[in-house]
Amino acid sequence: MKLVWFRNDLRLADNPALRHACAGDEPVAALFIISPTQWRQHKMAPIRQRFMLAQVDELGRELAALGIPLHLLRVETFAEAPAALADLCRELGVTQLYANQAIEIDEQRRDHAVTAALAEQAVSCHWLNGCCVLPPGRVLTGSGDMFKVFTPFSRAWLKALDEEGFVIHRAPTPRGEPLPWQPLAERAWVDEALGELTVDPHWPVGEAEALRRLNIFLEQAVLDYGETRDFPAIAGTSVLSPYLAAGIISPRQCVAALQQRLGYRPQSKAQPGFVWLNELIWREFYRHLLVLIPTLSMNRPFKPETAALPWSWDPDAFAAWCEGRTGYPIVDAAMRCLNATGWMHNRLRMIVASFLTKDLHIHWRLGEDYFMSRLIDGDLAANNGGWQWAAGTGADAAPYFRVFNPTTQGQRFDPQGEFIRNWVTELADIPAAYVHQPHDWLRLKGRQDYPAPMVDHAVARVRAIEMFRSLEK
């Protein structure tokens, strides 16, 4: 018996672990492990848990239709996984375990412990690359080190992809008679561990849905992506991040679909489609970094010297940022959108991260954790990479003296205030000419229902620069 352990790769197509396990005639079973306590310790957002488990439900039905049973195990923490897996393998008569590699340090430690535990009962473990187009460690400098700047990584990544190509693994064919599947909602222990398993209708699960979104984006928006992607009031992005984070679709499938749509693989900004491909390469960059620099999974900055920065931990200022009460409309709209929907446009993520770290001077770790606790597409590599970039502590971070001005960012990327008025209800009736600096207009109207700016951006910017300059002394 072969056992396939699903994690953040909840799909049938282009799943190397599943494909290799299904080679040959030996019986195959599948596994998903629910770890409620560990998920909470890792700040996994409830909306992300529900989305993931809804996909597990879908996956279980699809596997059952192929004659492959999906077993569910509940262990509270990763430390319990090796013994639980050993017991299941003994019960099922498993001789080989297949899984796609994890990239986070706690997950890697768990997998090493699983390998050791299963070796004691002669079960061999096979770990494959299912999370990246090119496996971490493949794209290195001439001296064998990981790139610390994105642009040369991007060039080297494209060169390596041209040299090696990649394969899209087909979904397996039926391996027996269809099997019954008991929905997760009918399993009392799942409900008891995680609560009601309702799914946000804005985020339907399923591989077909992920492919539908991808194809719509490629047909309607990819050619204009470079011009529209920064405007949150415009549907100019792929909105695939939750599906990539849960592994409902793979990055290889995205690259292959882009190539098919264009008839070529873009190589430079001059070619249509390159800007979106470059975003996929950014995703690869952060995932490779997380594997090759494990301290990134341990709340440590990429630039060690920035650990000495005198960050603030002011709980009241942090709460105002979390709740969208900063007095800066684009920041407040973005945070209220996140709190209500579990998702935030990427440009807005940069704006609010810059505001927290460079205007409020609050430690990026607080923002990183808050995002993980709210985002449906929470992904440690991308989230940590983005936060450290904004804070000036990370790989390829903007120069520390580059500080986003929240007012001009709003004016540039939400010029008519459509996004702001949608989420900051106090400003729903304000004229577009005042929406980004509303306080004078509100005073004229005798209104005090929207907070004054909590900081003077010009003053806060100077303080942020001084913080970083102090490291040079």
Protein backbone atom coordinates (compact mmCIF):
# COMPACT_ATOMS: atom_id res chain seq x y z
CA MET A 1 0.00 0.00 0.00
CA LYS A 2 1.17 3.52 -0.87
CA LEU A 3 -0.01 6.53 1.12
CA VAL A 4 -0.20 10.10 -0.25
CA TRP A 5 -0.09 12.80 2.41
CA PHE A 6 -1.83 15.98 1.24
CA ARG A 7 -0.86 19.30 2.84
CA ASN A 8 -0.87 22.65 0.99
CA ASP A 9 -1.31 20.81 -2.33
CA LEU A 10 -5.03 20.04 -2.33
CA ARG A 11 -5.42 19.06 -5.97
CA LEU A 12 -5.41 16.07 -8.30
CA ALA A 13 -3.74 17.72 -11.31
CA ASP A 14 -0.04 18.55 -11.32
CA ASN A 15 0.49 16.89 -7.96
CA PRO A 16 3.89 15.13 -8.10
CA ALA A 17 3.33 13.16 -4.88
CA LEU A 18 -0.02 11.83 -6.06
CA ARG A 19 1.28 11.12 -9.56
CA HIS A 20 4.28 9.14 -8.32
CA ALA A 21 2.21 7.22 -5.78
CA CYS A 22 -0.24 6.20 -8.50
CA ALA A 23 2.51 4.80 -10.73
CA GLY A 24 2.09 1.04 -10.86
CA ASP A 25 -0.73 -1.21 -9.67
CA GLU A 26 -0.18 -1.13 -5.92
CA PRO A 27 -3.16 0.13 -3.89
CA VAL A 28 -3.11 3.83 -2.97
CA ALA A 29 -4.69 5.66 -0.05
CA ALA A 30 -4.57 9.35 0.85
CA LEU A 31 -4.27 11.32 4.07
CA PHE A 32 -4.95 14.81 5.39
CA ILE A 33 -4.00 15.78 8.96
CA ILE A 34 -6.05 18.33 10.89
CA SER A 35 -3.99 20.13 13.57
CA PRO A 36 -6.23 22.75 15.24
CA THR A 37 -3.85 23.78 18.02
CA GLN A 38 -0.87 24.02 15.69
CA TRP A 39 -2.87 26.05 13.20
CA ARG A 40 -3.82 28.51 15.94
CA GLN A 41 -0.18 28.75 17.06
CA HIS A 42 0.73 29.58 13.46
CA LYS A 43 -1.95 32.30 13.42
CA MET A 44 -3.89 30.60 10.63
CA ALA A 45 -6.96 32.69 9.87
CA PRO A 46 -10.33 31.01 10.52
CA ILE A 47 -11.43 31.92 6.99
CA ARG A 48 -8.36 30.18 5.62
CA GLN A 49 -9.04 27.09 7.74
CA ARG A 50 -12.62 26.91 6.46
CA PHE A 51 -11.52 27.43 2.86
CA MET A 52 -8.87 24.72 3.17
CA LEU A 53 -11.23 22.21 4.79
CA ALA A 54 -13.89 22.89 2.17
CA GLN A 55 -11.28 21.97 -0.42
CA VAL A 56 -10.36 18.84 1.58
CA ASP A 57 -14.03 17.89 1.39
CA GLU A 58 -14.01 18.42 -2.38
CA LEU A 59 -10.75 16.50 -2.70
CA GLY A 60 -12.13 13.62 -0.66
CA ARG A 61 -15.11 13.29 -3.01
CA GLU A 62 -12.88 13.42 -6.10
CA LEU A 63 -10.45 10.85 -4.72
CA ALA A 64 -13.33 8.58 -3.70
CA ALA A 65 -14.64 8.72 -7.27
CA LEU A 66 -11.21 7.41 -8.38
CA GLY A 67 -11.30 4.59 -5.85
CA ILE A 68 -8.76 6.26 -3.53
CA PRO A 69 -9.88 6.64 0.11
CA LEU A 70 -8.91 9.85 1.92
CA HIS A 71 -8.20 9.28 5.60
CA LEU A 72 -8.41 12.13 8.10
CA LEU A 73 -6.28 12.26 11.23
CA ARG A 74 -6.60 14.81 14.00
CA VAL A 75 -3.47 15.66 15.95
CA GLU A 76 -3.32 18.84 17.97
CA THR A 77 0.30 19.69 17.18
CA PHE A 78 2.97 18.61 14.71
CA ALA A 79 4.79 16.80 17.52
CA GLU A 80 2.01 14.19 17.55
CA ALA A 81 2.12 13.57 13.80
CA PRO A 82 4.96 10.95 13.63
CA ALA A 83 3.30 8.53 16.06
CA ALA A 84 -0.15 9.02 14.50
CA LEU A 85 1.24 8.44 11.01
CA ALA A 86 3.15 5.35 12.16
CA ASP A 87 -0.06 3.91 13.62
CA LEU A 88 -2.03 4.59 10.42
CA CYS A 89 0.69 3.07 8.23
CA ARG A 90 0.75 -0.02 10.42
CA GLU A 91 -3.05 -0.31 10.29
CA LEU A 92 -3.20 0.08 6.48
CA GLY A 93 -0.09 -1.92 5.66
CA VAL A 94 1.66 1.09 4.10
CA THR A 95 5.15 0.51 2.72
CA GLN A 96 5.71 3.89 1.02
CA LEU A 97 4.71 7.43 1.93
CA TYR A 98 4.58 10.18 -0.73
CA ALA A 99 4.27 13.90 -0.03
CA ASN A 100 5.24 17.22 -1.55
CA GLN A 101 7.94 19.04 0.39
CA ALA A 102 7.05 21.61 3.01
CA ILE A 103 9.09 24.81 3.06
CA GLU A 104 8.45 26.16 6.57
CA ILE A 105 10.86 25.20 9.36
CA ASP A 106 8.30 23.67 11.77
CA GLU A 107 6.81 21.62 8.95
CA GLN A 108 10.26 20.48 7.81
CA ARG A 109 11.12 19.39 11.36
CA ARG A 110 7.84 17.48 11.51
CA ASP A 111 8.63 15.75 8.22
CA HIS A 112 12.13 14.77 9.40
CA ALA A 113 10.56 13.25 12.52
CA VAL A 114 8.02 11.39 10.37
CA THR A 115 10.81 9.98 8.18
CA ALA A 116 12.63 8.70 11.26
CA ALA A 117 9.51 7.21 12.84
CA LEU A 118 8.41 5.42 9.67
CA ALA A 119 11.91 4.09 8.99
CA GLU A 120 11.57 2.03 12.16
CA GLN A 121 8.78 0.05 10.50
CA ALA A 122 10.40 -0.07 7.05
CA VAL A 123 8.17 2.58 5.45
CA SER A 124 10.13 4.64 2.92
CA CYS A 125 9.32 8.35 2.51
CA HIS A 126 9.42 10.17 -0.82
CA TRP A 127 9.43 14.00 -0.71
CA LEU A 128 8.80 15.81 -4.00
CA ASN A 129 8.66 19.42 -5.23
CA GLY A 130 5.05 20.42 -5.57
CA CYS A 131 5.15 24.01 -4.32
CA CYS A 132 7.46 25.73 -6.81
CA VAL A 133 8.04 25.70 -10.54
CA LEU A 134 11.76 25.17 -9.90
CA PRO A 135 12.77 23.47 -6.65
CA PRO A 136 14.40 25.57 -3.91
CA GLY A 137 18.16 25.35 -4.32
CA ARG A 138 18.02 25.16 -8.10
CA VAL A 139 18.43 28.91 -8.71
CA LEU A 140 21.70 30.05 -7.12
CA THR A 141 24.47 32.54 -7.78
CA GLY A 142 27.69 31.51 -9.50
CA SER A 143 29.25 30.94 -6.07
CA GLY A 144 26.41 28.65 -5.01
CA ASP A 145 24.59 31.10 -2.74
CA MET A 146 20.97 32.16 -2.71
CA PHE A 147 20.26 35.41 -4.50
CA LYS A 148 19.55 38.24 -2.08
CA VAL A 149 18.18 40.62 -4.72
CA PHE A 150 15.14 39.79 -6.80
CA THR A 151 16.05 41.00 -10.31
CA PRO A 152 19.11 38.77 -10.80
CA PHE A 153 17.12 35.89 -9.28
CA SER A 154 14.37 36.52 -11.82
CA ARG A 155 16.85 36.44 -14.71
CA ALA A 156 18.50 33.27 -13.42
CA TRP A 157 15.10 31.66 -12.81
CA LEU A 158 13.98 32.34 -16.39
CA LYS A 159 17.28 30.98 -17.73
CA ALA A 160 16.99 27.81 -15.64
CA LEU A 161 13.40 27.32 -16.77
CA ASP A 162 14.44 27.66 -20.42
CA GLU A 163 17.16 25.07 -19.88
CA GLU A 164 15.07 22.54 -17.96
CA GLY A 165 11.47 23.16 -18.89
CA PHE A 166 8.81 21.66 -16.65
CA VAL A 167 6.16 18.97 -16.72
CA ILE A 168 2.49 19.28 -15.80
CA HIS A 169 1.43 16.03 -14.12
CA ARG A 170 -1.96 14.75 -15.16
CA ALA A 171 -4.57 13.80 -12.61
CA PRO A 172 -4.61 10.03 -11.97
CA THR A 173 -7.07 7.72 -13.69
CA PRO A 174 -9.56 5.65 -11.67
CA ARG A 175 -7.92 2.88 -9.66
CA GLY A 176 -10.99 0.95 -8.67
CA GLU A 177 -14.69 1.19 -7.98
CA PRO A 178 -15.96 4.50 -6.60
CA LEU A 179 -15.96 4.72 -2.82
CA PRO A 180 -18.35 6.47 -0.40
CA TRP A 181 -17.30 9.80 1.12
CA GLN A 182 -18.64 11.19 4.37
CA PRO A 183 -18.71 15.02 4.19
CA LEU A 184 -16.70 16.83 6.82
CA ALA A 185 -19.81 18.66 8.02
CA GLU A 186 -21.20 15.29 9.15
CA ARG A 187 -18.12 14.46 11.23
CA ALA A 188 -18.68 15.66 14.76
CA TRP A 189 -14.99 15.71 15.74
CA VAL A 190 -14.19 18.06 12.87
CA ASP A 191 -16.95 20.49 13.87
CA GLU A 192 -15.93 20.27 17.51
CA ALA A 193 -12.33 21.11 16.65
CA LEU A 194 -12.93 23.90 14.16
CA GLY A 195 -16.48 25.16 14.50
CA GLU A 196 -18.98 25.63 11.68
CA LEU A 197 -17.44 24.80 8.31
CA THR A 198 -19.21 27.47 6.28
CA VAL A 199 -17.51 28.78 3.14
CA ASP A 200 -17.51 32.38 1.95
CA PRO A 201 -19.50 32.42 -1.34
CA HIS A 202 -16.91 34.79 -2.81
CA TRP A 203 -14.35 31.97 -2.59
CA PRO A 204 -15.85 28.75 -3.98
CA VAL A 205 -13.46 25.83 -3.81
CA GLY A 206 -12.44 23.29 -6.44
CA GLU A 207 -9.81 22.89 -9.11
CA ALA A 208 -12.37 23.76 -11.77
CA GLU A 209 -13.05 27.10 -10.07
CA ALA A 210 -9.33 27.90 -9.83
CA LEU A 211 -8.85 27.12 -13.52
CA ARG A 212 -11.94 29.15 -14.41
CA ARG A 213 -10.53 32.20 -12.62
CA LEU A 214 -7.15 31.70 -14.25
CA ASN A 215 -8.64 31.45 -17.74
CA ILE A 216 -10.87 34.51 -17.26
CA PHE A 217 -7.88 36.52 -16.10
CA LEU A 218 -5.73 35.38 -19.02
CA GLU A 219 -8.47 36.15 -21.53
CA GLN A 220 -9.61 39.48 -20.11
CA ALA A 221 -6.93 41.10 -17.98
CA VAL A 222 -3.41 39.74 -18.33
CA LEU A 223 -2.41 41.99 -21.25
CA ASP A 224 -3.40 45.09 -19.25
CA TYR A 225 -2.13 43.75 -15.93
CA GLY A 226 0.86 46.07 -15.81
CA GLU A 227 -1.42 49.12 -16.07
CA THR A 228 -4.34 47.96 -13.89
CA ARG A 229 -2.87 45.78 -11.14
CA ASP A 230 -2.25 48.65 -8.68
CA PHE A 231 -5.82 50.02 -8.64
CA PRO A 232 -7.96 48.29 -5.99
CA ALA A 233 -11.24 49.59 -7.43
CA ILE A 234 -10.48 47.80 -10.73
CA ALA A 235 -10.75 44.04 -11.23
CA GLY A 236 -7.25 43.92 -12.68
CA THR A 237 -5.65 41.04 -10.76
CA SER A 238 -6.01 37.28 -11.05
CA VAL A 239 -7.42 36.81 -7.50
CA LEU A 240 -5.77 33.38 -7.48
CA SER A 241 -3.75 33.79 -4.30
CA PRO A 242 -6.07 31.74 -2.03
CA TYR A 243 -6.01 28.90 -4.57
CA LEU A 244 -2.23 29.00 -4.85
CA ALA A 245 -1.81 29.15 -1.06
CA ALA A 246 -4.00 26.07 -0.56
CA GLY A 247 -2.45 24.32 -3.53
CA ILE A 248 -5.76 24.05 -5.41
CA ILE A 249 -3.80 25.20 -8.45
CA SER A 250 -0.05 24.98 -8.96
CA PRO A 251 2.36 27.70 -10.11
CA ARG A 252 3.37 25.39 -12.97
CA GLN A 253 -0.21 25.34 -14.19
CA CYS A 254 -0.23 29.14 -14.12
CA VAL A 255 2.98 29.44 -16.14
CA ALA A 256 1.80 26.81 -18.63
CA ALA A 257 -1.55 28.55 -19.12
CA LEU A 258 0.17 31.90 -19.64
CA GLN A 259 2.44 30.37 -22.29
CA GLN A 260 -0.54 28.79 -24.02
CA ARG A 261 -2.46 32.07 -23.99
CA LEU A 262 0.44 34.11 -25.42
CA GLY A 263 2.08 31.49 -27.58
CA TYR A 264 5.43 32.16 -25.88
CA ARG A 265 7.00 32.63 -22.45
CA PRO A 266 7.69 36.35 -21.91
CA GLN A 267 11.27 37.20 -20.98
CA SER A 268 11.25 40.96 -20.36
CA LYS A 269 9.01 43.86 -19.39
CA ALA A 270 8.72 44.78 -23.05
CA GLN A 271 6.66 41.65 -23.70
CA PRO A 272 2.95 41.38 -22.79
CA GLY A 273 2.30 39.05 -19.88
CA PHE A 274 5.73 39.48 -18.31
CA VAL A 275 4.53 41.62 -15.40
CA TRP A 276 2.22 38.86 -14.17
CA LEU A 277 4.85 36.17 -14.75
CA ASN A 278 7.24 38.28 -12.70
CA GLU A 279 4.75 38.22 -9.82
CA LEU A 280 4.85 34.41 -9.94
CA ILE A 281 8.64 34.62 -9.86
CA TRP A 282 8.43 36.87 -6.78
CA ARG A 283 6.41 34.08 -5.18
CA GLU A 284 9.16 31.62 -6.08
CA PHE A 285 11.84 33.99 -4.73
CA TYR A 286 10.26 34.20 -1.30
CA ARG A 287 9.67 30.44 -1.13
CA HIS A 288 13.26 29.66 -2.09
CA LEU A 289 14.47 32.13 0.55
CA LEU A 290 12.36 30.50 3.25
CA VAL A 291 13.90 27.08 2.55
CA LEU A 292 17.49 28.24 2.25
CA ILE A 293 17.35 30.73 5.16
CA PRO A 294 15.36 28.92 7.91
CA THR A 295 15.65 31.84 10.35
CA LEU A 296 13.02 33.64 8.25
CA SER A 297 10.52 31.16 9.74
CA MET A 298 11.67 32.17 13.24
CA ASN A 299 10.59 35.83 13.40
CA ARG A 300 14.10 37.04 12.54
CA PRO A 301 14.93 39.72 9.96
CA PHE A 302 16.68 38.85 6.72
CA LYS A 303 19.16 41.66 7.46
CA PRO A 304 20.53 40.70 10.91
CA GLU A 305 21.66 44.22 11.74
CA THR A 306 18.05 45.47 11.63
CA ALA A 307 17.23 43.37 14.70
CA ALA A 308 18.60 46.35 16.67
CA LEU A 309 15.99 48.79 15.33
CA PRO A 310 14.03 50.45 18.17
CA TRP A 311 10.58 49.37 17.02
CA SER A 312 7.47 50.40 18.94
CA TRP A 313 5.02 47.88 20.37
CA ASP A 314 2.35 50.49 21.22
CA PRO A 315 -0.89 48.45 21.65
CA ASP A 316 -3.25 51.42 21.17
CA ALA A 317 -1.61 52.56 17.95
CA PHE A 318 -1.53 48.98 16.69
CA ALA A 319 -5.23 48.53 17.49
CA ALA A 320 -6.10 51.71 15.57
CA TRP A 321 -4.21 50.34 12.54
CA CYS A 322 -5.89 46.93 12.83
CA GLU A 323 -9.35 48.43 13.04
CA GLY A 324 -8.91 51.04 10.30
CA ARG A 325 -8.95 54.12 12.58
CA THR A 326 -5.73 55.84 11.51
CA GLY A 327 -7.27 58.91 9.91
CA TYR A 328 -5.63 58.06 6.57
CA PRO A 329 -8.49 56.98 4.27
CA ILE A 330 -6.64 54.52 2.00
CA VAL A 331 -5.09 52.78 5.02
CA ASP A 332 -8.40 52.58 6.86
CA ALA A 333 -10.29 51.34 3.79
CA ALA A 334 -7.71 48.62 3.20
CA MET A 335 -7.79 47.38 6.80
CA ARG A 336 -11.57 47.38 6.97
CA CYS A 337 -11.68 45.42 3.72
CA LEU A 338 -9.26 42.87 5.17
CA ASN A 339 -11.26 42.50 8.37
CA ALA A 340 -14.53 42.07 6.48
CA THR A 341 -13.42 39.81 3.63
CA GLY A 342 -10.15 38.10 4.57
CA TRP A 343 -8.44 39.47 1.48
CA MET A 344 -6.51 42.60 0.51
CA HIS A 345 -5.27 43.94 -2.82
CA ASN A 346 -1.47 43.71 -3.11
CA ARG A 347 -0.88 47.46 -3.55
CA LEU A 348 -2.87 48.04 -0.38
CA ARG A 349 -0.79 45.46 1.47
CA MET A 350 2.29 47.51 0.68
CA ILE A 351 0.63 50.77 1.71
CA VAL A 352 -0.64 49.54 5.08
CA ALA A 353 2.62 47.71 5.84
CA SER A 354 4.62 50.84 5.13
CA PHE A 355 2.27 52.86 7.31
CA LEU A 356 2.58 50.49 10.27
CA THR A 357 6.36 50.27 10.11
CA LYS A 358 7.44 53.64 8.75
CA ASP A 359 4.69 55.95 10.07
CA LEU A 360 3.83 54.26 13.36
CA HIS A 361 7.28 52.63 13.71
CA ILE A 362 5.62 49.45 14.99
CA HIS A 363 7.46 46.15 14.61
CA TRP A 364 6.72 44.35 11.36
CA ARG A 365 6.20 41.09 13.24
CA LEU A 366 2.93 42.42 14.66
CA GLY A 367 1.67 43.27 11.19
CA GLU A 368 2.86 39.96 9.77
CA ASP A 369 1.00 38.03 12.48
CA TYR A 370 -2.15 40.12 12.06
CA PHE A 371 -2.22 39.48 8.33
CA MET A 372 -1.83 35.74 8.88
CA SER A 373 -4.68 35.80 11.40
CA ARG A 374 -7.02 37.40 8.84
CA LEU A 375 -5.97 36.44 5.31
CA ILE A 376 -7.64 33.67 3.34
CA ASP A 377 -4.44 33.45 1.29
CA GLY A 378 -2.08 33.48 4.28
CA ASP A 379 1.27 32.07 3.17
CA LEU A 380 4.32 32.40 5.39
CA ALA A 381 6.85 32.88 2.60
CA ALA A 382 4.93 35.59 0.73
CA ASN A 383 3.63 37.28 3.87
CA ASN A 384 7.01 37.39 5.60
CA GLY A 385 8.75 38.48 2.41
CA GLY A 386 6.27 41.29 1.81
CA TRP A 387 6.37 42.56 5.37
CA GLN A 388 10.15 42.55 5.59
CA TRP A 389 10.34 44.28 2.21
CA ALA A 390 8.04 47.04 3.44
CA ALA A 391 9.83 47.33 6.78
CA GLY A 392 13.26 47.63 5.16
CA THR A 393 14.57 44.52 6.91
CA GLY A 394 14.19 41.97 4.14
CA ALA A 395 15.66 40.69 0.91
CA ASP A 396 15.59 43.24 -1.91
CA ALA A 397 13.91 45.66 0.51
CA ALA A 398 13.34 49.16 -0.74
CA PRO A 399 16.01 51.59 0.49
CA TYR A 400 15.13 52.54 4.03
CA PHE A 401 14.62 56.15 3.04
CA ARG A 402 11.82 55.14 0.68
CA VAL A 403 8.66 55.59 2.72
CA PHE A 404 5.20 55.37 1.17
CA ASN A 405 3.15 58.54 1.58
CA PRO A 406 -0.34 57.17 2.34
CA THR A 407 -2.08 60.27 1.00
CA THR A 408 -0.32 60.38 -2.36
CA GLN A 409 -0.59 56.60 -2.67
CA GLY A 410 -4.35 56.93 -2.30
CA GLN A 411 -4.49 59.80 -4.78
CA ARG A 412 -2.50 57.83 -7.31
CA PHE A 413 -4.15 54.42 -7.04
CA ASP A 414 -7.70 55.31 -5.99
CA PRO A 415 -7.98 58.72 -7.66
CA GLN A 416 -11.77 59.05 -7.42
CA GLY A 417 -11.92 57.45 -3.99
CA GLU A 418 -14.19 54.62 -5.15
CA PHE A 419 -12.46 52.02 -3.01
CA ILE A 420 -12.26 54.36 -0.01
CA ARG A 421 -15.93 55.31 -0.08
CA ASN A 422 -16.92 51.68 -0.38
CA TRP A 423 -15.16 50.70 2.86
CA VAL A 424 -14.98 53.88 4.95
CA THR A 425 -18.68 54.54 5.33
CA GLU A 426 -18.07 57.85 7.14
CA LEU A 427 -16.71 59.16 3.83
CA ALA A 428 -19.35 57.66 1.55
CA ASP A 429 -20.81 61.08 0.68
CA ILE A 430 -17.59 63.09 0.46
CA PRO A 431 -16.70 64.71 -2.89
CA ALA A 432 -13.81 63.06 -4.74
CA ALA A 433 -11.74 66.24 -4.43
CA TYR A 434 -11.60 65.83 -0.64
CA VAL A 435 -11.68 62.06 -0.18
CA HIS A 436 -7.93 61.63 0.40
CA GLN A 437 -7.66 64.57 2.81
CA PRO A 438 -11.17 64.77 4.22
CA HIS A 439 -10.67 66.55 7.52
CA ASP A 440 -11.16 70.16 6.39
CA TRP A 441 -14.34 69.22 4.55
CA LEU A 442 -15.64 67.31 7.56
CA ARG A 443 -14.94 70.27 9.84
CA LEU A 444 -16.87 72.58 7.52
CA LYS A 445 -19.78 70.18 7.75
CA GLY A 446 -19.50 70.09 11.53
CA ARG A 447 -18.76 66.38 11.53
CA GLN A 448 -16.49 64.44 13.84
CA ASP A 449 -17.33 60.89 12.77
CA TYR A 450 -13.97 60.15 11.15
CA PRO A 451 -10.73 60.22 13.18
CA ALA A 452 -8.02 62.82 12.73
CA PRO A 453 -4.68 61.52 11.37
CA MET A 454 -2.92 59.71 14.19
CA VAL A 455 0.51 60.93 13.02
CA ASP A 456 1.95 63.66 10.83
CA HIS A 457 3.38 61.68 7.93
CA ALA A 458 6.19 64.15 7.23
CA VAL A 459 7.40 63.99 10.82
CA ALA A 460 6.98 60.20 11.01
CA ARG A 461 8.97 59.74 7.81
CA VAL A 462 11.94 61.64 9.22
CA ARG A 463 11.82 59.52 12.39
CA ALA A 464 11.80 56.31 10.33
CA ILE A 465 14.85 57.41 8.38
CA GLU A 466 16.63 58.33 11.60
CA MET A 467 15.92 54.84 12.98
CA PHE A 468 17.69 53.20 10.10
CA ARG A 469 20.52 55.71 9.94
CA SER A 470 21.28 55.00 13.57
CA LEU A 471 22.31 51.48 12.53
CA GLU A 472 25.19 52.94 10.52
CA LYS A 473 26.80 54.62 13.54
